């Protein structure tokens, strides 16, 4: 039987803004809560500590695990996960089982199992699967696992999704070694209030991972976890990690009323769809009152054809209405647009659309290149049209083009995306940002975080100026 389990949060460098965030490995903390009564378990947070492979190797040898689990959500990080697995097998113990989990291994399990250092894949949600695996001490007949046996891949039955997320144990936060989790230099903790998304955007793999289902936790259950965070931490900003937090706005209304009533003194960051915002201005006002001050929104495109091509099921008028509502409630907006969403766009079309996007006055606007993640509809479409020119997963980071369009080469897409991101950084309205922050968070927040934020803005500005010179 296995006695020591090591769960590794892979050190992935994607060259995206998220590289600057230090977020708790919440998925692994959920797993710990399900097996800590069965086995000695630790999380090696290689990502937040920015650990070199040598340091990871040293930790593995020191801890002496009997079994290792490695997570990989970002497709561009799968090679880093493979290299971490190699350290286990070649530098520590070739007999130590290595299990992969997360979005990419779930979407490409057989491909991952062809790697010589990977023994098994946990598909989808891992809590119940890992618990059963540790109890049995064997991969055989454990639902939710694909594994290798005598050189052949064995497909166990898929495990049913957890029906009631209120039954989930809370993540185990008590033994965190990394203490300075942050976003935008603001200390944060994280919470998951739902899983999945009912929408079917062609570029997104979330609805595939969660089998086209969305399951929420109840507002009361969420409040219980917030009380636990409040009791054990001084952090007052909470990132809600749901892929689509505002699926059911009646649920959000109930949650906000409970938050206000509880007087927990938290501030919240979440990800939302703009149609939910546009249809529910009163609930958005309540969200602002409950402490929601920053939202990530996927704009994706500002043209009817671009939105249709990625199956966003939203129109341009709704986007404008939603952004206006967020502005009126002094909520900071972090938006993203996909360059290449419309495969027929020329460079002139894109630049014209960027000018229209500027009129939205989104506080932090970013642009990413259409990237065909595995098992998405857009991957299928682009592959059928021979538009995918690079299948090295390490390059699937939304900044380097791995496709061409009907009008633009990969070099064109990369150059244009870099240029519009530079312009977005250079022309950001810091005065408007200051006004909104003073309304949503207050002057003391700005004073407290002002130095770090100002340094960040200056750094972004200088980098943008340098990059602009290099593009000329």
Protein backbone atom coordinates (compact mmCIF):
# COMPACT_ATOMS: atom_id res chain seq x y z
CA UNK A 1 0.00 0.00 0.00
CA UNK A 2 1.11 3.55 -0.67
CA UNK A 3 2.02 5.57 2.42
CA UNK A 4 3.29 8.90 1.03
CA UNK A 5 1.60 10.92 -1.71
CA UNK A 6 3.13 14.01 -3.33
CA UNK A 7 0.91 16.32 -5.39
CA UNK A 8 2.86 18.69 -7.63
CA UNK A 9 1.57 22.05 -8.83
CA UNK A 10 3.55 22.25 -12.08
CA UNK A 11 5.75 25.27 -12.67
CA UNK A 12 4.19 26.47 -15.93
CA UNK A 13 5.39 29.65 -17.64
CA UNK A 14 2.87 30.75 -20.26
CA UNK A 15 4.02 34.34 -20.95
CA UNK A 16 0.50 35.55 -20.10
CA UNK A 17 -0.63 38.02 -17.44
CA UNK A 18 -1.49 35.07 -15.19
CA UNK A 19 2.25 34.37 -14.82
CA UNK A 20 2.34 37.42 -12.56
CA UNK A 21 -0.35 36.02 -10.26
CA UNK A 22 0.32 33.72 -7.31
CA UNK A 23 -2.86 31.74 -6.73
CA UNK A 24 -3.50 28.84 -4.34
CA UNK A 25 -3.45 25.38 -5.98
CA UNK A 26 -7.13 25.00 -5.13
CA UNK A 27 -7.68 21.85 -7.18
CA UNK A 28 -4.89 20.05 -5.34
CA UNK A 29 -6.17 21.34 -1.99
CA UNK A 30 -9.53 19.72 -2.76
CA UNK A 31 -7.70 16.44 -3.38
CA UNK A 32 -5.80 16.72 -0.08
CA UNK A 33 -9.06 17.11 1.83
CA UNK A 34 -10.24 13.78 0.38
CA UNK A 35 -7.19 11.64 1.14
CA UNK A 36 -5.43 13.13 4.17
CA UNK A 37 -7.15 10.63 6.47
CA UNK A 38 -5.82 7.75 4.33
CA UNK A 39 -2.24 8.72 3.48
CA UNK A 40 0.46 11.24 4.32
CA UNK A 41 0.14 13.89 1.62
CA UNK A 42 1.91 17.12 0.70
CA UNK A 43 1.60 19.67 -2.08
CA UNK A 44 4.79 20.74 -3.82
CA UNK A 45 3.83 24.20 -5.08
CA UNK A 46 6.48 24.46 -7.78
CA UNK A 47 4.53 27.09 -9.71
CA UNK A 48 4.21 29.70 -6.98
CA UNK A 49 7.74 29.16 -5.69
CA UNK A 50 9.04 29.27 -9.31
CA UNK A 51 11.08 26.16 -8.56
CA UNK A 52 13.78 24.98 -10.93
CA UNK A 53 13.79 21.33 -12.02
CA UNK A 54 16.79 20.79 -9.77
CA UNK A 55 14.89 22.07 -6.73
CA UNK A 56 11.88 19.95 -7.67
CA UNK A 57 14.14 16.91 -7.94
CA UNK A 58 15.70 17.65 -4.54
CA UNK A 59 12.27 17.98 -2.92
CA UNK A 60 11.05 14.70 -4.40
CA UNK A 61 14.13 12.86 -3.12
CA UNK A 62 13.75 14.44 0.31
CA UNK A 63 10.03 13.66 0.65
CA UNK A 64 10.37 10.10 -0.68
CA UNK A 65 6.84 9.64 -2.08
CA UNK A 66 5.34 6.24 -2.90
CA UNK A 67 3.04 7.83 -5.51
CA UNK A 68 3.07 11.21 -7.31
CA UNK A 69 0.23 13.25 -8.81
CA UNK A 70 1.03 16.06 -11.28
CA UNK A 71 -1.54 18.64 -12.39
CA UNK A 72 -1.66 20.34 -15.79
CA UNK A 73 -4.55 22.59 -16.73
CA UNK A 74 -2.82 24.76 -19.32
CA UNK A 75 -2.12 22.98 -22.60
CA UNK A 76 1.07 25.00 -23.04
CA UNK A 77 2.37 23.49 -19.77
CA UNK A 78 2.15 19.81 -20.68
CA UNK A 79 5.85 19.58 -21.57
CA UNK A 80 6.76 21.01 -18.15
CA UNK A 81 4.53 18.36 -16.57
CA UNK A 82 6.27 15.64 -18.61
CA UNK A 83 9.67 16.91 -17.51
CA UNK A 84 8.52 16.85 -13.88
CA UNK A 85 7.36 13.25 -14.36
CA UNK A 86 10.76 12.39 -15.84
CA UNK A 87 12.43 13.62 -12.66
CA UNK A 88 10.33 11.19 -10.63
CA UNK A 89 11.09 8.22 -12.86
CA UNK A 90 14.73 8.83 -13.82
CA UNK A 91 16.12 10.75 -10.85
CA UNK A 92 14.14 9.27 -7.98
CA UNK A 93 12.44 5.91 -8.48
CA UNK A 94 11.31 4.29 -11.77
CA UNK A 95 8.78 2.19 -9.82
CA UNK A 96 6.99 5.20 -8.29
CA UNK A 97 3.61 5.60 -10.04
CA UNK A 98 3.05 8.98 -11.70
CA UNK A 99 -0.55 10.16 -12.26
CA UNK A 100 -1.56 13.16 -14.35
CA UNK A 101 -4.73 15.20 -13.87
CA UNK A 102 -6.27 18.45 -15.04
CA UNK A 103 -7.79 19.84 -18.22
CA UNK A 104 -5.18 18.85 -20.78
CA UNK A 105 -4.59 15.26 -19.60
CA UNK A 106 -8.37 14.74 -19.44
CA UNK A 107 -8.82 16.02 -22.98
CA UNK A 108 -5.82 14.10 -24.40
CA UNK A 109 -5.46 11.06 -22.09
CA UNK A 110 -4.11 8.49 -24.56
CA UNK A 111 -1.60 10.97 -25.94
CA UNK A 112 -0.36 11.73 -22.42
CA UNK A 113 -0.16 8.01 -21.59
CA UNK A 114 2.14 7.46 -24.56
CA UNK A 115 4.73 9.43 -22.62
CA UNK A 116 7.11 6.92 -20.97
CA UNK A 117 7.01 8.68 -17.59
CA UNK A 118 3.23 8.76 -17.13
CA UNK A 119 1.47 5.74 -15.62
CA UNK A 120 -2.13 6.91 -15.30
CA UNK A 121 -4.57 9.74 -15.94
CA UNK A 122 -7.36 10.83 -13.61
CA UNK A 123 -10.15 12.07 -15.86
CA UNK A 124 -12.11 15.17 -14.87
CA UNK A 125 -13.00 15.63 -11.21
CA UNK A 126 -10.42 13.90 -9.08
CA UNK A 127 -11.68 13.93 -5.51
CA UNK A 128 -13.60 10.64 -5.38
CA UNK A 129 -11.34 8.92 -7.92
CA UNK A 130 -8.17 9.65 -5.97
CA UNK A 131 -9.75 8.57 -2.70
CA UNK A 132 -10.82 5.22 -4.17
CA UNK A 133 -7.41 4.77 -5.78
CA UNK A 134 -5.54 5.33 -2.52
CA UNK A 135 -7.89 2.94 -0.71
CA UNK A 136 -7.44 0.18 -3.29
CA UNK A 137 -3.74 0.69 -3.92
CA UNK A 138 -4.21 -0.24 -7.57
CA UNK A 139 -5.40 1.36 -10.84
CA UNK A 140 -7.53 -1.65 -11.74
CA UNK A 141 -11.31 -1.14 -11.78
CA UNK A 142 -11.15 2.40 -10.39
CA UNK A 143 -13.71 4.48 -12.25
CA UNK A 144 -12.30 7.65 -13.76
CA UNK A 145 -8.81 6.33 -14.52
CA UNK A 146 -6.99 5.42 -17.74
CA UNK A 147 -3.68 3.67 -17.15
CA UNK A 148 -0.93 1.56 -18.69
CA UNK A 149 -0.64 -2.14 -18.08
CA UNK A 150 2.10 -4.18 -19.72
CA UNK A 151 2.58 -1.50 -22.34
CA UNK A 152 -1.10 -1.25 -23.26
CA UNK A 153 -3.55 1.52 -22.35
CA UNK A 154 -6.50 0.40 -20.23
CA UNK A 155 -9.67 2.51 -20.19
CA UNK A 156 -11.60 2.13 -16.94
CA UNK A 157 -15.20 3.35 -16.84
CA UNK A 158 -15.65 7.12 -16.59
CA UNK A 159 -16.72 8.27 -13.15
CA UNK A 160 -20.04 10.05 -12.81
CA UNK A 161 -19.82 13.75 -11.98
CA UNK A 162 -20.55 14.74 -8.39
CA UNK A 163 -24.24 15.59 -8.45
CA UNK A 164 -24.45 17.88 -5.44
CA UNK A 165 -21.42 20.13 -5.00
CA UNK A 166 -22.61 21.02 -1.50
CA UNK A 167 -21.44 17.51 -0.59
CA UNK A 168 -17.85 18.46 -1.42
CA UNK A 169 -15.41 18.83 1.46
CA UNK A 170 -13.84 22.27 1.57
CA UNK A 171 -10.29 22.53 0.20
CA UNK A 172 -7.54 21.90 2.75
CA UNK A 173 -5.96 25.33 3.26
CA UNK A 174 -4.32 24.76 6.64
CA UNK A 175 -0.84 23.70 5.52
CA UNK A 176 0.06 26.23 2.84
CA UNK A 177 3.79 26.79 2.58
CA UNK A 178 3.48 29.66 0.11
CA UNK A 179 2.06 32.60 2.06
CA UNK A 180 1.81 35.52 -0.38
CA UNK A 181 -0.94 34.64 -2.84
CA UNK A 182 -1.80 37.71 -4.91
CA UNK A 183 -3.38 39.21 -8.02
CA UNK A 184 -2.28 42.65 -9.21
CA UNK A 185 -0.20 42.76 -5.98
CA UNK A 186 -3.39 42.44 -3.91
CA UNK A 187 -3.44 39.54 -1.39
CA UNK A 188 -6.14 37.03 -2.38
CA UNK A 189 -7.64 33.68 -1.54
CA UNK A 190 -9.71 31.62 -3.95
CA UNK A 191 -13.05 29.83 -3.86
CA UNK A 192 -14.98 27.71 -6.36
CA UNK A 193 -18.75 28.16 -6.29
CA UNK A 194 -19.71 26.16 -9.39
CA UNK A 195 -18.24 23.83 -12.00
CA UNK A 196 -18.70 23.88 -15.75
CA UNK A 197 -20.55 26.16 -18.16
CA UNK A 198 -23.80 25.62 -20.09
CA UNK A 199 -22.54 27.52 -23.13
CA UNK A 200 -20.67 26.03 -26.08
CA UNK A 201 -18.19 28.62 -27.32
CA UNK A 202 -16.13 26.94 -30.03
CA UNK A 203 -12.75 28.05 -28.62
CA UNK A 204 -13.43 26.80 -25.08
CA UNK A 205 -12.76 23.34 -23.63
CA UNK A 206 -14.49 23.82 -20.26
CA UNK A 207 -17.88 22.49 -21.36
CA UNK A 208 -16.09 19.42 -22.80
CA UNK A 209 -14.16 18.82 -19.57
CA UNK A 210 -17.36 19.01 -17.51
CA UNK A 211 -19.44 17.05 -20.05
CA UNK A 212 -21.66 19.98 -21.05
CA UNK A 213 -23.02 20.45 -17.55
CA UNK A 214 -23.05 23.31 -15.05
CA UNK A 215 -23.43 22.52 -11.37
CA UNK A 216 -23.66 25.20 -8.65
CA UNK A 217 -23.09 25.20 -4.94
CA UNK A 218 -25.84 26.74 -2.85
CA UNK A 219 -25.37 30.28 -1.52
CA UNK A 220 -25.49 29.04 2.09
CA UNK A 221 -22.76 26.47 1.43
CA UNK A 222 -20.57 29.17 -0.12
CA UNK A 223 -21.09 31.44 2.88
CA UNK A 224 -19.96 28.63 5.20
CA UNK A 225 -16.66 28.38 3.32
CA UNK A 226 -16.23 32.16 3.37
CA UNK A 227 -16.64 32.09 7.15
CA UNK A 228 -13.90 29.45 7.30
CA UNK A 229 -11.57 31.62 5.20
CA UNK A 230 -12.41 34.64 7.39
CA UNK A 231 -11.62 32.71 10.55
CA UNK A 232 -8.23 31.47 9.37
CA UNK A 233 -6.90 34.33 7.27
CA UNK A 234 -6.46 38.10 7.16
CA UNK A 235 -6.99 38.17 3.39
CA UNK A 236 -9.99 40.23 2.33
CA UNK A 237 -10.01 39.77 -1.45
CA UNK A 238 -11.52 36.59 -2.87
CA UNK A 239 -11.04 35.39 -6.43
CA UNK A 240 -13.99 33.25 -7.52
CA UNK A 241 -12.39 30.78 -9.93
CA UNK A 242 -15.62 29.64 -11.65
CA UNK A 243 -15.37 29.69 -15.43
CA UNK A 244 -18.80 31.34 -15.56
CA UNK A 245 -19.86 32.66 -12.17
CA UNK A 246 -23.08 34.37 -13.31
CA UNK A 247 -24.92 31.50 -15.03
CA UNK A 248 -27.88 31.79 -12.65
CA UNK A 249 -28.34 35.39 -11.55
CA UNK A 250 -31.10 34.48 -9.09
CA UNK A 251 -28.48 32.41 -7.27
CA UNK A 252 -26.11 35.38 -7.35
CA UNK A 253 -28.83 37.62 -5.93
CA UNK A 254 -29.36 35.24 -2.98
CA UNK A 255 -25.61 34.94 -2.43
CA UNK A 256 -25.10 38.73 -2.44
CA UNK A 257 -27.89 39.24 0.10
CA UNK A 258 -26.25 36.66 2.38
CA UNK A 259 -22.83 38.30 1.94
CA UNK A 260 -24.26 41.70 2.89
CA UNK A 261 -26.12 40.23 5.85
CA UNK A 262 -23.06 38.31 7.08
CA UNK A 263 -20.86 41.44 7.20
CA UNK A 264 -17.84 39.31 6.31
CA UNK A 265 -16.01 42.33 4.86
CA UNK A 266 -14.76 40.62 1.68
CA UNK A 267 -14.18 42.00 -1.79
CA UNK A 268 -14.70 39.75 -4.79
CA UNK A 269 -13.23 39.17 -8.25
CA UNK A 270 -15.04 36.94 -10.72
CA UNK A 271 -15.41 35.94 -14.35
CA UNK A 272 -18.71 36.60 -16.11
CA UNK A 273 -20.52 36.64 -19.43
CA UNK A 274 -21.69 40.05 -20.61
CA UNK A 275 -25.20 38.89 -21.52
CA UNK A 276 -25.79 37.99 -17.85
CA UNK A 277 -24.75 41.52 -16.91
CA UNK A 278 -26.87 43.21 -19.58
CA UNK A 279 -30.03 41.32 -18.58
CA UNK A 280 -29.71 41.94 -14.83
CA UNK A 281 -28.68 45.54 -14.02
CA UNK A 282 -30.38 45.47 -10.61
CA UNK A 283 -28.51 42.34 -9.55
CA UNK A 284 -25.23 43.86 -10.79
CA UNK A 285 -25.93 46.84 -8.54
CA UNK A 286 -26.44 44.39 -5.67
CA UNK A 287 -23.17 42.65 -6.56
CA UNK A 288 -21.31 45.96 -6.31
CA UNK A 289 -22.91 46.57 -2.91
CA UNK A 290 -21.82 43.07 -1.78
CA UNK A 291 -18.20 43.81 -2.67
CA UNK A 292 -17.76 42.70 -6.28
CA UNK A 293 -15.26 45.19 -7.66
CA UNK A 294 -13.41 43.54 -10.57
CA UNK A 295 -14.70 41.27 -13.33
CA UNK A 296 -13.00 39.36 -16.12
CA UNK A 297 -15.15 39.40 -19.25
CA UNK A 298 -14.69 37.62 -22.57
CA UNK A 299 -15.64 40.14 -25.24
CA UNK A 300 -14.04 37.90 -27.92
CA UNK A 301 -15.13 40.07 -30.86
CA UNK A 302 -16.89 43.34 -31.63
CA UNK A 303 -18.37 42.17 -34.94
CA UNK A 304 -21.45 40.08 -35.60
CA UNK A 305 -19.52 37.62 -37.78
CA UNK A 306 -16.71 37.19 -35.26
CA UNK A 307 -19.16 36.47 -32.44
CA UNK A 308 -21.12 34.05 -34.64
CA UNK A 309 -18.00 32.23 -35.82
CA UNK A 310 -17.00 31.35 -32.24
CA UNK A 311 -20.62 30.60 -31.22
CA UNK A 312 -20.59 33.24 -28.48
CA UNK A 313 -24.38 33.68 -28.74
CA UNK A 314 -24.25 37.37 -27.87
CA UNK A 315 -24.59 40.49 -30.00
CA UNK A 316 -22.60 43.71 -30.18
CA UNK A 317 -25.42 45.78 -28.67
CA UNK A 318 -25.46 43.53 -25.60
CA UNK A 319 -21.71 43.99 -25.17
CA UNK A 320 -22.10 47.78 -25.16
CA UNK A 321 -25.01 47.64 -22.73
CA UNK A 322 -23.19 45.33 -20.30
CA UNK A 323 -19.99 47.39 -20.29
CA UNK A 324 -22.05 50.52 -19.59
CA UNK A 325 -23.74 48.80 -16.61
CA UNK A 326 -20.36 47.74 -15.18
CA UNK A 327 -19.02 51.30 -15.57
CA UNK A 328 -22.09 52.71 -13.82
CA UNK A 329 -21.42 50.41 -10.85
CA UNK A 330 -17.72 51.34 -10.73
CA UNK A 331 -16.65 47.74 -11.39
CA UNK A 332 -13.17 47.37 -12.86
CA UNK A 333 -13.35 45.54 -16.19
CA UNK A 334 -10.62 43.22 -17.50
CA UNK A 335 -11.61 42.30 -21.04
CA UNK A 336 -10.21 40.10 -23.76
CA UNK A 337 -10.70 40.04 -27.52
CA UNK A 338 -9.62 37.18 -29.80
CA UNK A 339 -7.60 38.14 -32.86
CA UNK A 340 -8.65 35.70 -35.59
CA UNK A 341 -12.15 35.01 -34.25
CA UNK A 342 -13.30 35.97 -37.75
CA UNK A 343 -11.10 33.92 -40.08
CA UNK A 344 -11.92 36.24 -42.99
CA UNK A 345 -10.77 39.48 -41.34
CA UNK A 346 -7.95 41.45 -42.95
CA UNK A 347 -5.43 43.47 -40.95
CA UNK A 348 -7.34 46.61 -41.90
CA UNK A 349 -10.57 45.07 -40.56
CA UNK A 350 -8.89 44.17 -37.26
CA UNK A 351 -7.44 47.65 -36.72
CA UNK A 352 -10.83 49.23 -37.49
CA UNK A 353 -12.46 46.93 -34.94
CA UNK A 354 -9.78 47.76 -32.36
CA UNK A 355 -10.70 51.43 -32.77
CA UNK A 356 -14.30 50.52 -32.00
CA UNK A 357 -13.24 48.47 -28.98
CA UNK A 358 -11.41 51.50 -27.56
CA UNK A 359 -14.77 53.29 -27.35
CA UNK A 360 -15.89 50.74 -24.75
CA UNK A 361 -13.24 52.18 -22.38
CA UNK A 362 -12.50 48.82 -20.81
CA UNK A 363 -10.10 49.39 -17.91
CA UNK A 364 -7.66 46.61 -18.81
CA UNK A 365 -7.98 45.33 -22.37
CA UNK A 366 -5.95 42.42 -23.70
CA UNK A 367 -5.86 40.70 -27.07
CA UNK A 368 -5.09 37.03 -27.64
CA UNK A 369 -4.65 34.95 -30.78
CA UNK A 370 -7.29 32.37 -31.65
CA UNK A 371 -5.75 29.16 -30.26
CA UNK A 372 -7.32 25.77 -31.03
CA UNK A 373 -7.20 23.92 -27.72
CA UNK A 374 -7.64 20.14 -27.90
CA UNK A 375 -11.20 18.77 -28.09
CA UNK A 376 -12.68 22.16 -29.01
CA UNK A 377 -14.89 22.77 -32.03
CA UNK A 378 -12.47 25.40 -33.29
CA UNK A 379 -9.67 22.81 -33.32
CA UNK A 380 -11.82 20.53 -35.44
CA UNK A 381 -12.75 23.35 -37.84
CA UNK A 382 -9.21 24.68 -38.26
CA UNK A 383 -7.76 21.21 -38.71
CA UNK A 384 -10.34 20.38 -41.38
CA UNK A 385 -9.41 23.56 -43.23
CA UNK A 386 -5.64 22.90 -42.86
CA UNK A 387 -5.20 26.15 -40.95
CA UNK A 388 -3.25 24.68 -38.00
CA UNK A 389 0.46 25.06 -38.74
CA UNK A 390 1.96 24.08 -35.38
CA UNK A 391 1.02 21.18 -33.07
CA UNK A 392 3.68 21.73 -30.44
CA UNK A 393 1.49 22.19 -27.35
CA UNK A 394 4.15 24.36 -25.68
CA UNK A 395 3.33 27.11 -28.18
CA UNK A 396 -0.41 27.10 -27.42
CA UNK A 397 -0.16 30.15 -25.17
CA UNK A 398 -2.51 32.57 -27.01
CA UNK A 399 0.40 34.91 -27.81
CA UNK A 400 2.25 32.98 -30.51
CA UNK A 401 0.17 32.06 -33.53
CA UNK A 402 -0.15 28.33 -34.17
CA UNK A 403 -2.66 28.93 -36.97
CA UNK A 404 -3.13 30.94 -40.11
CA UNK A 405 -6.44 32.44 -41.26
CA UNK A 406 -7.92 32.90 -44.70
CA UNK A 407 -6.31 36.35 -44.84
CA UNK A 408 -3.36 36.38 -42.42
CA UNK A 409 -0.18 34.41 -41.87
CA UNK A 410 1.00 33.28 -38.41
CA UNK A 411 3.58 36.10 -38.47
CA UNK A 412 0.83 38.59 -39.27
CA UNK A 413 -1.33 37.37 -36.38
CA UNK A 414 1.56 37.47 -33.89
CA UNK A 415 2.67 40.94 -35.02
CA UNK A 416 -0.84 42.42 -34.99
CA UNK A 417 -1.65 40.96 -31.57
CA UNK A 418 1.57 42.31 -30.12
CA UNK A 419 0.91 45.75 -31.60
CA UNK A 420 -2.67 46.08 -30.33
CA UNK A 421 -1.62 44.92 -26.84
CA UNK A 422 1.10 47.57 -26.80
CA UNK A 423 -1.39 50.24 -27.82
CA UNK A 424 -3.86 49.05 -25.18
CA UNK A 425 -1.18 49.42 -22.47
CA UNK A 426 -0.03 52.83 -23.70
CA UNK A 427 -3.51 54.33 -23.98
CA UNK A 428 -5.05 53.04 -20.77
CA UNK A 429 -6.94 55.74 -18.87
CA UNK A 430 -5.37 55.68 -15.41
CA UNK A 431 -7.51 58.65 -14.38
CA UNK A 432 -10.72 56.70 -15.07
CA UNK A 433 -9.22 53.73 -13.24
CA UNK A 434 -8.43 55.91 -10.23
CA UNK A 435 -12.00 57.25 -10.18
CA UNK A 436 -13.54 53.79 -10.29
CA UNK A 437 -11.20 52.41 -7.64
CA UNK A 438 -11.91 55.30 -5.31
CA UNK A 439 -15.64 54.54 -5.66
CA UNK A 440 -15.43 50.74 -5.36
CA UNK A 441 -12.53 50.31 -2.90
CA UNK A 442 -11.94 53.74 -1.36
CA UNK A 443 -8.97 56.05 -1.09
CA UNK A 444 -7.29 53.98 1.65
CA UNK A 445 -7.13 50.98 -0.71
CA UNK A 446 -5.50 53.14 -3.38
CA UNK A 447 -3.00 54.55 -0.88
CA UNK A 448 -2.20 51.08 0.49
CA UNK A 449 -1.75 49.50 -2.94
CA UNK A 450 -0.77 52.63 -4.81
CA UNK A 451 3.00 52.21 -4.77
CA UNK A 452 3.00 48.68 -6.14
CA UNK A 453 0.25 49.46 -8.63
CA UNK A 454 2.00 52.60 -9.81
CA UNK A 455 5.23 50.69 -10.29
CA UNK A 456 3.34 48.04 -12.25
CA UNK A 457 1.76 50.67 -14.51
CA UNK A 458 5.13 52.38 -15.07
CA UNK A 459 6.74 49.01 -15.84
CA UNK A 460 3.97 48.11 -18.32
CA UNK A 461 4.27 51.55 -19.93
CA UNK A 462 8.06 51.32 -20.32
CA UNK A 463 7.86 47.79 -21.71
CA UNK A 464 5.18 48.89 -24.14
CA UNK A 465 7.25 51.88 -25.31
CA UNK A 466 10.28 49.63 -25.84
CA UNK A 467 8.22 47.00 -27.66
CA UNK A 468 6.67 49.66 -29.88
CA UNK A 469 10.12 50.86 -30.94
CA UNK A 470 11.10 47.25 -31.72
CA UNK A 471 8.07 46.77 -33.96
CA UNK A 472 8.95 49.75 -36.14
